[in-house]
């Protein structure tokens, strides 16, 4: 009996310090900053060793702030043959931004990834796992192939639903 191959999609978010600043306002917290630094300076090399041991390729979704703040670790990811995907700049919530702000952040992220890897990113993970009403259109406009933060199907590719509106029920 021949062995069957099993394919899995691995996505690794490297939020570093950006995750604490952009999500939780931790820019003035030494503990939050230290956790972000540890995650990158210690966590990234550990993950790379683990992935190498098991011959795994993954997609690292990295905020632009992390790309700029930790160039050595980001280069290690690329040199190990892993993909870099977009994940905001400072892990800002797309729903909390204007459409223009969201586009500006996406463009800056694309530029930083292109500078590091020599090519535009194909993958995206929404910071906060939130999409605004324009996120899908922006991803299409800038040539993204997939969004790893969507969870509509588990084993099948799908096109994201956009334009749905839901009625909010007031229970007061």
N, C-alpha and C. Protein backbone atom coordinates (compact mmCIF):
# COMPACT_ATOMS: atom_id res chain seq x y z
N UNK A 1 0.85 -1.17 0.00
CA UNK A 1 0.00 0.00 0.00
C UNK A 1 0.90 1.25 0.00
N UNK A 2 0.63 2.17 -0.89
CA UNK A 2 1.44 3.39 -0.96
C UNK A 2 1.03 4.38 0.12
N UNK A 3 2.01 5.14 0.54
CA UNK A 3 1.73 6.15 1.56
C UNK A 3 1.04 7.35 0.92
N UNK A 4 0.06 7.87 1.62
CA UNK A 4 -0.62 9.06 1.14
C UNK A 4 0.02 10.28 1.79
N UNK A 5 0.12 11.33 1.03
CA UNK A 5 0.64 12.59 1.57
C UNK A 5 -0.50 13.36 2.21
N UNK A 6 -0.18 13.98 3.30
CA UNK A 6 -1.14 14.85 3.97
C UNK A 6 -0.62 16.27 3.87
N UNK A 7 -1.44 17.16 3.39
CA UNK A 7 -1.04 18.55 3.25
C UNK A 7 -1.72 19.38 4.33
N UNK A 8 -0.94 20.19 5.00
CA UNK A 8 -1.45 21.09 6.03
C UNK A 8 -0.96 22.49 5.74
N UNK A 9 -1.75 23.46 6.06
CA UNK A 9 -1.34 24.85 5.91
C UNK A 9 -0.95 25.38 7.29
N UNK A 10 0.30 25.78 7.41
CA UNK A 10 0.79 26.36 8.65
C UNK A 10 0.90 27.87 8.49
N UNK A 11 0.36 28.58 9.42
CA UNK A 11 0.52 30.02 9.45
C UNK A 11 1.04 30.42 10.82
N UNK A 12 2.08 31.21 10.83
CA UNK A 12 2.69 31.65 12.08
C UNK A 12 2.65 33.17 12.13
N UNK A 13 1.97 33.71 13.12
CA UNK A 13 1.91 35.17 13.28
C UNK A 13 3.07 35.61 14.17
N UNK A 14 3.88 36.51 13.65
CA UNK A 14 4.99 37.06 14.42
C UNK A 14 4.65 38.51 14.73
N UNK A 15 3.83 38.69 15.75
CA UNK A 15 3.37 40.04 16.10
C UNK A 15 4.44 40.85 16.82
N UNK A 16 5.35 40.18 17.50
CA UNK A 16 6.44 40.85 18.22
C UNK A 16 5.89 41.94 19.12
N UNK A 17 6.54 43.08 19.09
CA UNK A 17 6.12 44.22 19.90
C UNK A 17 4.85 44.85 19.32
N UNK A 18 4.70 44.79 18.00
CA UNK A 18 3.55 45.41 17.33
C UNK A 18 2.23 44.89 17.87
N UNK A 19 2.17 43.61 18.17
CA UNK A 19 0.93 43.04 18.69
C UNK A 19 0.51 43.66 20.00
N UNK A 20 1.47 43.96 20.84
CA UNK A 20 1.16 44.57 22.14
C UNK A 20 0.80 46.04 21.99
N UNK A 21 1.53 46.74 21.12
CA UNK A 21 1.26 48.18 20.95
C UNK A 21 -0.05 48.39 20.21
N UNK A 22 -0.22 47.72 19.07
CA UNK A 22 -1.38 47.94 18.23
C UNK A 22 -2.67 47.35 18.75
N UNK A 23 -2.57 46.29 19.53
CA UNK A 23 -3.79 45.63 20.01
C UNK A 23 -4.17 46.02 21.42
N UNK A 24 -3.17 46.24 22.25
CA UNK A 24 -3.46 46.41 23.67
C UNK A 24 -2.92 47.71 24.26
N UNK A 25 -2.36 48.57 23.42
CA UNK A 25 -1.83 49.83 23.92
C UNK A 25 -0.68 49.65 24.88
N UNK A 26 0.11 48.60 24.67
CA UNK A 26 1.18 48.28 25.60
C UNK A 26 2.50 48.97 25.33
N UNK A 27 2.49 50.06 24.58
CA UNK A 27 3.73 50.75 24.25
C UNK A 27 4.46 51.31 25.45
N UNK A 28 3.75 51.48 26.56
CA UNK A 28 4.40 52.02 27.75
C UNK A 28 4.58 50.95 28.83
N UNK A 29 4.40 49.70 28.47
CA UNK A 29 4.50 48.60 29.43
C UNK A 29 5.79 47.81 29.20
N UNK A 30 6.75 47.91 30.12
CA UNK A 30 7.98 47.12 29.96
C UNK A 30 7.69 45.62 29.80
N UNK A 31 6.70 45.11 30.51
CA UNK A 31 6.38 43.68 30.41
C UNK A 31 5.92 43.31 29.00
N UNK A 32 5.03 44.13 28.43
CA UNK A 32 4.54 43.85 27.08
C UNK A 32 5.67 43.95 26.06
N UNK A 33 6.49 44.98 26.18
CA UNK A 33 7.61 45.14 25.25
C UNK A 33 8.56 43.95 25.35
N UNK A 34 8.87 43.54 26.58
CA UNK A 34 9.78 42.40 26.77
C UNK A 34 9.21 41.12 26.17
N UNK A 35 7.91 40.90 26.31
CA UNK A 35 7.29 39.71 25.72
C UNK A 35 7.41 39.75 24.20
N UNK A 36 7.21 40.93 23.63
CA UNK A 36 7.32 41.06 22.18
C UNK A 36 8.73 40.81 21.69
N UNK A 37 9.71 41.33 22.42
CA UNK A 37 11.11 41.11 22.04
C UNK A 37 11.45 39.63 22.18
N UNK A 38 11.05 39.02 23.29
CA UNK A 38 11.31 37.59 23.51
C UNK A 38 10.70 36.75 22.39
N UNK A 39 9.47 37.07 22.03
CA UNK A 39 8.77 36.30 20.99
C UNK A 39 9.57 36.27 19.69
N UNK A 40 10.26 37.36 19.39
CA UNK A 40 11.00 37.43 18.14
C UNK A 40 12.43 36.96 18.28
N UNK A 41 13.15 37.49 19.24
CA UNK A 41 14.57 37.16 19.36
C UNK A 41 14.81 35.73 19.83
N UNK A 42 13.91 35.18 20.61
CA UNK A 42 14.04 33.81 21.10
C UNK A 42 13.08 32.87 20.35
N UNK A 43 11.84 33.32 20.20
CA UNK A 43 10.82 32.46 19.60
C UNK A 43 11.05 32.14 18.13
N UNK A 44 11.43 33.13 17.34
CA UNK A 44 11.62 32.88 15.91
C UNK A 44 12.73 31.85 15.66
N UNK A 45 13.92 31.99 16.26
CA UNK A 45 14.93 30.95 16.04
C UNK A 45 14.47 29.56 16.50
N UNK A 46 13.74 29.50 17.60
CA UNK A 46 13.23 28.21 18.06
C UNK A 46 12.27 27.60 17.04
N UNK A 47 11.36 28.43 16.54
CA UNK A 47 10.41 27.93 15.54
C UNK A 47 11.13 27.48 14.27
N UNK A 48 12.11 28.25 13.85
CA UNK A 48 12.85 27.89 12.64
C UNK A 48 13.57 26.55 12.81
N UNK A 49 14.14 26.31 13.98
CA UNK A 49 14.79 25.01 14.24
C UNK A 49 13.75 23.88 14.21
N UNK A 50 12.60 24.11 14.81
CA UNK A 50 11.54 23.11 14.82
C UNK A 50 11.07 22.80 13.40
N UNK A 51 10.81 23.83 12.62
CA UNK A 51 10.33 23.63 11.26
C UNK A 51 11.40 22.93 10.41
N UNK A 52 12.67 23.26 10.63
CA UNK A 52 13.75 22.60 9.89
C UNK A 52 13.83 21.12 10.27
N UNK A 53 13.72 20.83 11.55
CA UNK A 53 13.79 19.45 12.04
C UNK A 53 12.76 18.56 11.35
N UNK A 54 11.58 19.09 11.13
CA UNK A 54 10.50 18.31 10.53
C UNK A 54 10.27 18.63 9.06
N UNK A 55 11.21 19.36 8.47
CA UNK A 55 11.16 19.71 7.05
C UNK A 55 9.81 20.35 6.68
N UNK A 56 9.43 21.35 7.45
CA UNK A 56 8.16 22.05 7.23
C UNK A 56 8.41 23.44 6.66
N UNK A 57 7.57 23.84 5.74
CA UNK A 57 7.56 25.21 5.24
C UNK A 57 6.28 25.84 5.74
N UNK A 58 6.38 27.06 6.18
CA UNK A 58 5.21 27.75 6.71
C UNK A 58 5.17 29.17 6.17
N UNK A 59 4.07 29.80 6.42
CA UNK A 59 3.92 31.22 6.09
C UNK A 59 3.95 32.00 7.39
N UNK A 60 4.85 32.96 7.45
CA UNK A 60 4.95 33.84 8.61
C UNK A 60 4.22 35.14 8.27
N UNK A 61 3.25 35.50 9.07
CA UNK A 61 2.50 36.73 8.86
C UNK A 61 3.03 37.76 9.84
N UNK A 62 3.61 38.82 9.29
CA UNK A 62 4.42 39.73 10.10
C UNK A 62 3.97 41.18 9.91
N UNK A 63 3.66 41.88 11.00
CA UNK A 63 3.39 43.32 10.89
C UNK A 63 4.63 44.07 10.39
N UNK A 64 4.40 45.15 9.67
CA UNK A 64 5.50 45.94 9.16
C UNK A 64 6.44 46.44 10.24
N UNK A 65 5.90 46.81 11.39
CA UNK A 65 6.72 47.27 12.51
C UNK A 65 7.73 46.19 12.91
N UNK A 66 7.30 44.94 12.90
CA UNK A 66 8.20 43.83 13.25
C UNK A 66 9.27 43.65 12.18
N UNK A 67 8.90 43.83 10.92
CA UNK A 67 9.88 43.74 9.84
C UNK A 67 10.98 44.78 10.02
N UNK A 68 10.59 45.99 10.41
CA UNK A 68 11.57 47.06 10.59
C UNK A 68 12.37 46.92 11.88
N UNK A 69 11.75 46.43 12.94
CA UNK A 69 12.38 46.38 14.25
C UNK A 69 13.31 45.18 14.41
N UNK A 70 13.01 44.09 13.73
CA UNK A 70 13.79 42.86 13.89
C UNK A 70 14.29 42.34 12.53
N UNK A 71 15.14 43.13 11.84
CA UNK A 71 15.56 42.72 10.50
C UNK A 71 16.35 41.40 10.48
N UNK A 72 17.14 41.15 11.51
CA UNK A 72 17.94 39.92 11.55
C UNK A 72 17.03 38.68 11.56
N UNK A 73 16.05 38.69 12.44
CA UNK A 73 15.14 37.55 12.55
C UNK A 73 14.28 37.39 11.30
N UNK A 74 13.87 38.52 10.71
CA UNK A 74 13.05 38.45 9.51
C UNK A 74 13.85 37.86 8.34
N UNK A 75 15.12 38.23 8.26
CA UNK A 75 15.99 37.67 7.21
C UNK A 75 16.19 36.17 7.44
N UNK A 76 16.27 35.76 8.71
CA UNK A 76 16.40 34.33 9.02
C UNK A 76 15.20 33.55 8.47
N UNK A 77 14.02 34.12 8.60
CA UNK A 77 12.80 33.47 8.11
C UNK A 77 12.87 33.28 6.60
N UNK A 78 13.22 34.35 5.91
CA UNK A 78 13.30 34.30 4.45
C UNK A 78 14.41 33.35 4.00
N UNK A 79 15.58 33.44 4.64
CA UNK A 79 16.70 32.57 4.28
C UNK A 79 16.39 31.09 4.49
N UNK A 80 15.48 30.80 5.42
CA UNK A 80 15.09 29.41 5.67
C UNK A 80 14.03 28.92 4.67
N UNK A 81 13.61 29.79 3.76
CA UNK A 81 12.69 29.38 2.70
C UNK A 81 11.22 29.52 3.01
N UNK A 82 10.90 30.27 4.05
CA UNK A 82 9.49 30.45 4.43
C UNK A 82 8.92 31.69 3.76
N UNK A 83 7.62 31.69 3.61
CA UNK A 83 6.90 32.82 3.02
C UNK A 83 6.66 33.89 4.08
N UNK A 84 6.68 35.16 3.66
CA UNK A 84 6.29 36.28 4.53
C UNK A 84 4.99 36.85 3.99
N UNK A 85 3.97 36.89 4.84
CA UNK A 85 2.69 37.46 4.47
C UNK A 85 2.41 38.74 5.24
N UNK A 86 1.50 39.53 4.75
CA UNK A 86 1.16 40.82 5.36
C UNK A 86 0.26 40.62 6.59
N UNK A 87 0.46 41.49 7.57
CA UNK A 87 -0.30 41.39 8.83
C UNK A 87 -0.42 42.77 9.47
N UNK A 88 -0.71 43.79 8.64
CA UNK A 88 -0.81 45.15 9.14
C UNK A 88 0.56 45.78 9.34
N UNK A 89 0.58 46.95 9.91
CA UNK A 89 1.86 47.57 10.26
C UNK A 89 2.09 47.49 11.77
N UNK A 90 1.13 47.97 12.54
CA UNK A 90 1.27 47.96 14.00
C UNK A 90 0.16 47.11 14.63
N UNK A 91 -0.27 46.10 13.88
CA UNK A 91 -1.34 45.20 14.33
C UNK A 91 -2.62 45.98 14.63
N UNK A 92 -2.88 47.01 13.82
CA UNK A 92 -4.06 47.84 14.01
C UNK A 92 -5.31 47.14 13.50
N UNK A 93 -6.42 47.43 14.12
CA UNK A 93 -7.70 46.81 13.77
C UNK A 93 -8.26 47.47 12.51
N UNK A 94 -8.43 46.73 11.41
CA UNK A 94 -8.97 47.31 10.18
C UNK A 94 -10.35 47.96 10.36
N UNK A 95 -11.16 47.44 11.24
CA UNK A 95 -12.49 47.98 11.46
C UNK A 95 -12.42 49.37 12.10
N UNK A 96 -11.35 49.65 12.81
CA UNK A 96 -11.21 50.94 13.50
C UNK A 96 -10.57 52.01 12.62
N UNK A 97 -10.22 51.67 11.37
CA UNK A 97 -9.57 52.62 10.48
C UNK A 97 -10.53 53.08 9.38
N UNK A 98 -10.21 54.22 8.79
CA UNK A 98 -10.93 54.63 7.59
C UNK A 98 -10.44 53.75 6.44
N UNK A 99 -11.21 53.66 5.35
CA UNK A 99 -10.72 52.89 4.20
C UNK A 99 -9.36 53.37 3.71
N UNK A 100 -9.13 54.69 3.72
CA UNK A 100 -7.84 55.21 3.26
C UNK A 100 -6.71 54.81 4.20
N UNK A 101 -6.95 54.86 5.50
CA UNK A 101 -5.93 54.43 6.46
C UNK A 101 -5.60 52.95 6.26
N UNK A 102 -6.63 52.14 6.08
CA UNK A 102 -6.39 50.71 5.88
C UNK A 102 -5.57 50.46 4.63
N UNK A 103 -5.88 51.17 3.55
CA UNK A 103 -5.11 51.01 2.32
C UNK A 103 -3.67 51.48 2.51
N UNK A 104 -3.48 52.60 3.19
CA UNK A 104 -2.13 53.11 3.43
C UNK A 104 -1.29 52.10 4.23
N UNK A 105 -1.90 51.50 5.24
CA UNK A 105 -1.20 50.49 6.05
C UNK A 105 -0.85 49.28 5.19
N UNK A 106 -1.79 48.83 4.36
CA UNK A 106 -1.55 47.68 3.50
C UNK A 106 -0.41 47.96 2.51
N UNK A 107 -0.43 49.13 1.90
CA UNK A 107 0.62 49.50 0.94
C UNK A 107 1.98 49.54 1.62
N UNK A 108 2.05 50.13 2.81
CA UNK A 108 3.32 50.18 3.54
C UNK A 108 3.82 48.76 3.85
N UNK A 109 2.91 47.89 4.26
CA UNK A 109 3.28 46.50 4.56
C UNK A 109 3.81 45.80 3.31
N UNK A 110 3.13 45.98 2.20
CA UNK A 110 3.56 45.38 0.93
C UNK A 110 4.96 45.86 0.58
N UNK A 111 5.20 47.16 0.70
CA UNK A 111 6.51 47.72 0.37
C UNK A 111 7.61 47.12 1.24
N UNK A 112 7.35 46.98 2.53
CA UNK A 112 8.35 46.43 3.44
C UNK A 112 8.64 44.95 3.14
N UNK A 113 7.60 44.19 2.82
CA UNK A 113 7.79 42.78 2.49
C UNK A 113 8.54 42.64 1.17
N UNK A 114 8.19 43.46 0.20
CA UNK A 114 8.88 43.44 -1.09
C UNK A 114 10.36 43.79 -0.91
N UNK A 115 10.64 44.75 -0.06
CA UNK A 115 12.03 45.15 0.21
C UNK A 115 12.82 43.98 0.81
N UNK A 116 12.20 43.22 1.69
CA UNK A 116 12.87 42.10 2.35
C UNK A 116 13.00 40.88 1.44
N UNK A 117 11.94 40.56 0.73
CA UNK A 117 11.90 39.29 -0.01
C UNK A 117 12.15 39.43 -1.51
N UNK A 118 12.00 40.64 -2.02
CA UNK A 118 12.14 40.84 -3.46
C UNK A 118 10.86 40.59 -4.23
N UNK A 119 9.76 40.37 -3.51
CA UNK A 119 8.48 40.15 -4.19
C UNK A 119 7.33 40.58 -3.27
N UNK A 120 6.22 40.88 -3.90
CA UNK A 120 5.04 41.26 -3.13
C UNK A 120 4.46 40.04 -2.42
N UNK A 121 3.85 40.26 -1.26
CA UNK A 121 3.27 39.12 -0.54
C UNK A 121 2.04 38.57 -1.27
N UNK A 122 1.82 37.28 -1.12
CA UNK A 122 0.63 36.63 -1.67
C UNK A 122 -0.42 36.43 -0.60
N UNK A 123 0.02 36.27 0.66
CA UNK A 123 -0.88 35.95 1.75
C UNK A 123 -1.06 37.09 2.73
N UNK A 124 -2.17 37.04 3.44
CA UNK A 124 -2.56 38.08 4.38
C UNK A 124 -3.24 37.44 5.57
N UNK A 125 -2.99 37.99 6.74
CA UNK A 125 -3.78 37.69 7.94
C UNK A 125 -4.24 39.02 8.51
N UNK A 126 -5.53 39.14 8.72
CA UNK A 126 -6.09 40.37 9.25
C UNK A 126 -5.66 40.56 10.70
N UNK A 127 -5.06 41.71 11.02
CA UNK A 127 -4.80 41.99 12.43
C UNK A 127 -6.12 41.94 13.21
N UNK A 128 -6.06 41.43 14.40
CA UNK A 128 -7.25 41.24 15.25
C UNK A 128 -8.20 40.20 14.65
N UNK A 129 -7.85 39.60 13.55
CA UNK A 129 -8.73 38.71 12.79
C UNK A 129 -10.03 39.44 12.44
N UNK A 130 -9.91 40.70 12.11
CA UNK A 130 -11.05 41.54 11.74
C UNK A 130 -10.87 42.03 10.31
N UNK A 131 -11.95 42.03 9.57
CA UNK A 131 -11.96 42.60 8.23
C UNK A 131 -12.97 43.72 8.19
N UNK A 132 -12.59 44.82 7.56
CA UNK A 132 -13.54 45.92 7.38
C UNK A 132 -14.36 45.64 6.12
N UNK A 133 -15.23 46.55 5.81
CA UNK A 133 -16.07 46.39 4.61
C UNK A 133 -15.25 46.52 3.33
N UNK A 134 -14.01 47.03 3.40
CA UNK A 134 -13.19 47.21 2.20
C UNK A 134 -11.99 46.27 2.15
N UNK A 135 -11.75 45.49 3.18
CA UNK A 135 -10.54 44.66 3.23
C UNK A 135 -10.44 43.72 2.02
N UNK A 136 -11.50 42.99 1.72
CA UNK A 136 -11.45 42.03 0.61
C UNK A 136 -11.15 42.73 -0.71
N UNK A 137 -11.75 43.88 -0.94
CA UNK A 137 -11.50 44.62 -2.18
C UNK A 137 -10.05 45.10 -2.25
N UNK A 138 -9.50 45.52 -1.11
CA UNK A 138 -8.10 45.95 -1.09
C UNK A 138 -7.16 44.79 -1.37
N UNK A 139 -7.44 43.64 -0.80
CA UNK A 139 -6.59 42.48 -1.04
C UNK A 139 -6.62 42.09 -2.51
N UNK A 140 -7.79 42.16 -3.12
CA UNK A 140 -7.90 41.86 -4.55
C UNK A 140 -7.15 42.91 -5.37
N UNK A 141 -7.33 44.17 -5.02
CA UNK A 141 -6.67 45.26 -5.74
C UNK A 141 -5.15 45.11 -5.75
N UNK A 142 -4.59 44.64 -4.63
CA UNK A 142 -3.14 44.54 -4.51
C UNK A 142 -2.60 43.14 -4.78
N UNK A 143 -3.42 42.29 -5.38
CA UNK A 143 -2.94 41.02 -5.90
C UNK A 143 -2.70 39.90 -4.90
N UNK A 144 -3.35 39.96 -3.74
CA UNK A 144 -3.20 38.88 -2.78
C UNK A 144 -3.92 37.63 -3.28
N UNK A 145 -3.35 36.47 -3.01
CA UNK A 145 -3.94 35.20 -3.43
C UNK A 145 -4.84 34.59 -2.36
N UNK A 146 -4.53 34.88 -1.10
CA UNK A 146 -5.31 34.26 -0.03
C UNK A 146 -5.25 35.08 1.25
N UNK A 147 -6.25 34.83 2.09
CA UNK A 147 -6.32 35.42 3.43
C UNK A 147 -6.38 34.27 4.41
N UNK A 148 -5.34 34.11 5.19
CA UNK A 148 -5.22 32.98 6.12
C UNK A 148 -6.10 33.16 7.36
N UNK A 149 -6.67 34.33 7.55
CA UNK A 149 -7.47 34.58 8.75
C UNK A 149 -8.95 34.23 8.57
N UNK A 150 -9.33 33.83 7.40
CA UNK A 150 -10.72 33.48 7.16
C UNK A 150 -10.98 32.04 7.59
N UNK A 151 -12.16 31.77 8.12
CA UNK A 151 -12.45 30.44 8.61
C UNK A 151 -13.80 29.90 8.20
N UNK A 152 -14.25 30.24 7.02
CA UNK A 152 -15.57 29.82 6.56
C UNK A 152 -15.62 28.31 6.24
N UNK A 153 -14.52 27.78 5.76
CA UNK A 153 -14.41 26.35 5.46
C UNK A 153 -13.11 25.84 6.09
N UNK A 154 -13.09 24.56 6.45
CA UNK A 154 -11.86 24.05 7.02
C UNK A 154 -10.97 23.33 6.01
N UNK A 155 -11.53 22.56 5.10
CA UNK A 155 -10.72 21.78 4.18
C UNK A 155 -10.91 22.16 2.71
N UNK A 156 -11.61 23.23 2.46
CA UNK A 156 -11.87 23.62 1.08
C UNK A 156 -11.54 25.10 0.89
N UNK A 157 -10.89 25.43 -0.22
CA UNK A 157 -10.72 26.85 -0.52
C UNK A 157 -12.09 27.48 -0.78
N UNK A 158 -12.21 28.75 -0.50
CA UNK A 158 -13.49 29.43 -0.72
C UNK A 158 -13.23 30.90 -0.96
N UNK A 159 -14.20 31.54 -1.57
CA UNK A 159 -14.15 32.98 -1.74
C UNK A 159 -14.86 33.63 -0.57
N UNK A 160 -14.24 34.65 -0.01
CA UNK A 160 -14.82 35.33 1.15
C UNK A 160 -16.14 35.99 0.76
N UNK A 161 -17.09 35.90 1.65
CA UNK A 161 -18.36 36.61 1.47
C UNK A 161 -18.11 38.07 1.82
N UNK A 162 -18.56 38.94 0.97
CA UNK A 162 -18.43 40.37 1.24
C UNK A 162 -19.77 41.04 0.98
N UNK A 163 -19.99 42.15 1.63
CA UNK A 163 -21.20 42.92 1.40
C UNK A 163 -22.40 42.53 2.24
N UNK A 164 -22.26 41.48 3.04
CA UNK A 164 -23.37 41.09 3.91
C UNK A 164 -23.61 42.15 4.97
N UNK A 165 -24.85 42.37 5.28
CA UNK A 165 -25.20 43.25 6.40
C UNK A 165 -26.09 42.48 7.34
N UNK A 166 -25.85 42.64 8.61
CA UNK A 166 -26.60 41.92 9.63
C UNK A 166 -27.35 42.90 10.49
N UNK A 167 -28.53 42.52 10.88
CA UNK A 167 -29.32 43.36 11.76
C UNK A 167 -28.88 43.14 13.20
N UNK A 168 -28.58 44.22 13.87
CA UNK A 168 -28.21 44.14 15.28
C UNK A 168 -29.50 44.19 16.09
N UNK A 169 -29.64 43.26 16.99
CA UNK A 169 -30.84 43.21 17.82
C UNK A 169 -30.57 43.95 19.12
N UNK A 170 -31.41 44.91 19.41
CA UNK A 170 -31.27 45.67 20.65
C UNK A 170 -32.05 44.96 21.75
N UNK A 171 -31.36 44.41 22.71
CA UNK A 171 -32.00 43.66 23.79
C UNK A 171 -32.30 44.51 25.02
N UNK A 172 -32.05 45.82 24.92
CA UNK A 172 -32.30 46.66 26.09
C UNK A 172 -33.77 46.96 26.27
